[in-house]
Amino acid sequence: MGRTFTPLLLAGLTTLAATTAEAALPATATLYKNPQCMCCDGYARHLEEHGIDVSVVSDADMSEIKTRAGVPYGKGACHTVKIGDYWIEGHVPMAALEQFFDDALNTAGIGLAGMPIGTPGMPGAKTEPYNVYTFSEHKATSYMTL
């Protein structure tokens, strides 16, 4: 019975771990953007397609939001998202968000500078690696490359 029990126990723990990892990503977010930016709306749809309920604020003072978030100079993008206790700057792909929330780092947030082609909300196919960074107090640290 010990040999039968072990695979069943491992299967159960694997299922529990997968459920726990999925639960790490908050279910709601607030996306701050310029009212004319359509790619930001595309990013909001990307989050919604992954089960996150997104409130869009399209008349925010983006400079004030980015300063409050601690986004490093030169690393900004067109929108900033508050999700859970973290800030998300730009078109960060879901794979990076999921890993970031699983890692639960002691940082203000995660970002992807600019508006890279092929990222969620941006048209076209990926043409280069996406260099995702973490940030705190306006300082960036390399996090991952997708």
Protein backbone atom coordinates (compact mmCIF):
# COMPACT_ATOMS: atom_id res chain seq x y z
CA MET A 1 0.00 0.00 0.00
CA GLY A 2 2.93 2.35 0.63
CA ARG A 3 3.84 2.37 -3.07
CA THR A 4 0.26 3.13 -4.13
CA PHE A 5 -0.17 5.80 -1.50
CA THR A 6 2.98 7.72 -2.47
CA PRO A 7 1.99 8.41 -6.12
CA LEU A 8 -1.51 9.44 -5.01
CA LEU A 9 -0.07 11.71 -2.34
CA LEU A 10 2.32 13.27 -4.86
CA ALA A 11 -0.51 13.82 -7.33
CA GLY A 12 -2.58 15.52 -4.62
CA LEU A 13 0.30 17.75 -3.53
CA THR A 14 1.02 18.70 -7.14
CA THR A 15 -2.62 19.70 -7.63
CA LEU A 16 -2.57 21.70 -4.38
CA ALA A 17 0.65 23.46 -5.40
CA ALA A 18 -0.80 24.40 -8.80
CA THR A 19 -3.93 25.78 -7.15
CA THR A 20 -1.88 27.76 -4.64
CA ALA A 21 0.33 29.25 -7.38
CA GLU A 22 -2.71 30.38 -9.34
CA ALA A 23 -4.19 31.97 -6.24
CA ALA A 24 -1.08 34.15 -5.74
CA LEU A 25 -2.16 36.52 -8.53
CA PRO A 26 -4.81 38.96 -7.23
CA ALA A 27 -8.27 38.91 -8.82
CA THR A 28 -8.61 42.70 -9.22
CA ALA A 29 -6.47 45.48 -10.64
CA THR A 30 -6.66 49.21 -11.41
CA LEU A 31 -5.09 50.35 -14.68
CA TYR A 32 -4.13 54.05 -14.99
CA LYS A 33 -3.79 55.44 -18.51
CA ASN A 34 -4.14 58.34 -20.89
CA PRO A 35 -7.68 58.41 -22.37
CA GLN A 36 -6.41 58.31 -25.98
CA CYS A 37 -4.17 55.25 -25.59
CA MET A 38 -5.81 52.19 -27.14
CA CYS A 39 -2.99 49.72 -26.42
CA CYS A 40 -3.64 50.24 -22.70
CA ASP A 41 -7.19 49.01 -23.26
CA GLY A 42 -5.69 45.98 -25.00
CA TYR A 43 -3.54 45.30 -21.92
CA ALA A 44 -6.63 45.56 -19.69
CA ARG A 45 -8.32 42.96 -21.93
CA HIS A 46 -5.23 40.73 -21.59
CA LEU A 47 -5.55 40.81 -17.80
CA GLU A 48 -9.30 40.17 -18.00
CA GLU A 49 -8.73 37.16 -20.29
CA HIS A 50 -6.64 35.73 -17.43
CA GLY A 51 -9.40 36.21 -14.87
CA ILE A 52 -8.42 39.58 -13.41
CA ASP A 53 -11.22 42.14 -13.00
CA VAL A 54 -9.75 45.46 -14.21
CA SER A 55 -10.96 48.97 -13.36
CA VAL A 56 -9.63 51.54 -15.86
CA VAL A 57 -8.88 55.11 -14.78
CA SER A 58 -8.30 57.11 -17.95
CA ASP A 59 -8.01 60.62 -16.51
CA ALA A 60 -5.19 60.10 -14.03
CA ASP A 61 -2.12 62.31 -13.71
CA MET A 62 0.30 59.69 -15.06
CA SER A 63 3.38 61.55 -13.86
CA GLU A 64 2.02 61.55 -10.30
CA ILE A 65 1.03 57.86 -10.52
CA LYS A 66 4.49 56.81 -11.77
CA THR A 67 6.19 58.91 -9.08
CA ARG A 68 4.00 57.39 -6.36
CA ALA A 69 4.68 53.88 -7.73
CA GLY A 70 8.45 54.44 -7.77
CA VAL A 71 8.90 53.75 -11.51
CA PRO A 72 12.56 54.43 -12.44
CA TYR A 73 13.33 57.32 -14.79
CA GLY A 74 13.61 56.07 -18.37
CA LYS A 75 11.83 52.77 -17.58
CA GLY A 76 8.25 53.98 -17.96
CA ALA A 77 5.57 52.88 -20.36
CA CYS A 78 2.14 54.13 -21.38
CA HIS A 79 0.16 52.73 -18.43
CA THR A 80 0.64 51.76 -14.80
CA VAL A 81 -1.36 49.08 -12.99
CA LYS A 82 -1.93 48.64 -9.26
CA ILE A 83 -2.55 44.98 -8.48
CA GLY A 84 -2.49 43.73 -4.93
CA ASP A 85 0.37 45.40 -3.09
CA TYR A 86 2.40 45.86 -6.29
CA TRP A 87 2.68 48.22 -9.25
CA ILE A 88 2.97 46.88 -12.81
CA GLU A 89 4.54 49.25 -15.33
CA GLY A 90 3.76 48.70 -18.99
CA HIS A 91 2.95 45.69 -21.13
CA VAL A 92 4.32 42.96 -18.84
CA PRO A 93 3.34 39.52 -20.21
CA MET A 94 1.26 37.21 -17.98
CA ALA A 95 4.11 34.68 -17.64
CA ALA A 96 6.23 37.33 -15.92
CA LEU A 97 3.32 38.47 -13.73
CA GLU A 98 2.58 34.93 -12.57
CA GLN A 99 6.24 34.29 -11.74
CA PHE A 100 6.55 37.64 -9.98
CA PHE A 101 3.52 37.00 -7.75
CA ASP A 102 4.75 33.46 -7.02
CA ASP A 103 8.14 34.86 -6.00
CA ALA A 104 6.51 37.50 -3.71
CA LEU A 105 9.58 39.73 -3.83
CA ASN A 106 10.20 42.63 -1.48
CA THR A 107 9.89 45.32 -4.16
CA ALA A 108 7.40 47.95 -5.31
CA GLY A 109 6.67 46.31 -8.62
CA ILE A 110 7.63 44.90 -11.99
CA GLY A 111 7.89 46.58 -15.36
CA LEU A 112 8.67 46.42 -19.04
CA ALA A 113 9.96 49.71 -20.45
CA GLY A 114 8.40 51.30 -23.50
CA MET A 115 5.82 49.64 -25.70
CA PRO A 116 7.55 46.59 -27.22
CA ILE A 117 5.94 45.11 -30.32
CA GLY A 118 4.16 41.83 -29.68
CA THR A 119 3.58 42.36 -25.96
CA PRO A 120 0.01 42.08 -24.61
CA GLY A 121 -1.96 44.99 -26.04
CA MET A 122 0.64 45.82 -28.70
CA PRO A 123 0.19 44.70 -32.30
CA GLY A 124 2.67 42.60 -34.24
CA ALA A 125 4.90 39.65 -33.59
CA LYS A 126 7.66 39.61 -31.00
CA THR A 127 10.86 40.92 -32.58
CA GLU A 128 13.27 40.91 -29.62
CA PRO A 129 13.54 39.61 -26.06
CA TYR A 130 11.49 41.39 -23.41
CA ASN A 131 13.66 42.62 -20.53
CA VAL A 132 11.46 42.66 -17.47
CA TYR A 133 12.69 44.48 -14.36
CA THR A 134 11.65 44.90 -10.74
CA PHE A 135 11.72 48.32 -9.14
CA SER A 136 11.66 50.14 -5.82
CA GLU A 137 12.26 53.78 -5.00
CA HIS A 138 12.88 54.67 -8.66
CA LYS A 139 15.65 52.06 -9.06
CA ALA A 140 15.42 49.11 -11.45
CA THR A 141 16.86 45.61 -11.12
CA SER A 142 16.86 43.08 -13.95
CA TYR A 143 14.32 40.35 -13.21
CA MET A 144 13.84 38.11 -16.26
CA THR A 145 14.06 38.00 -20.02
CA LEU A 146 11.19 36.51 -22.01
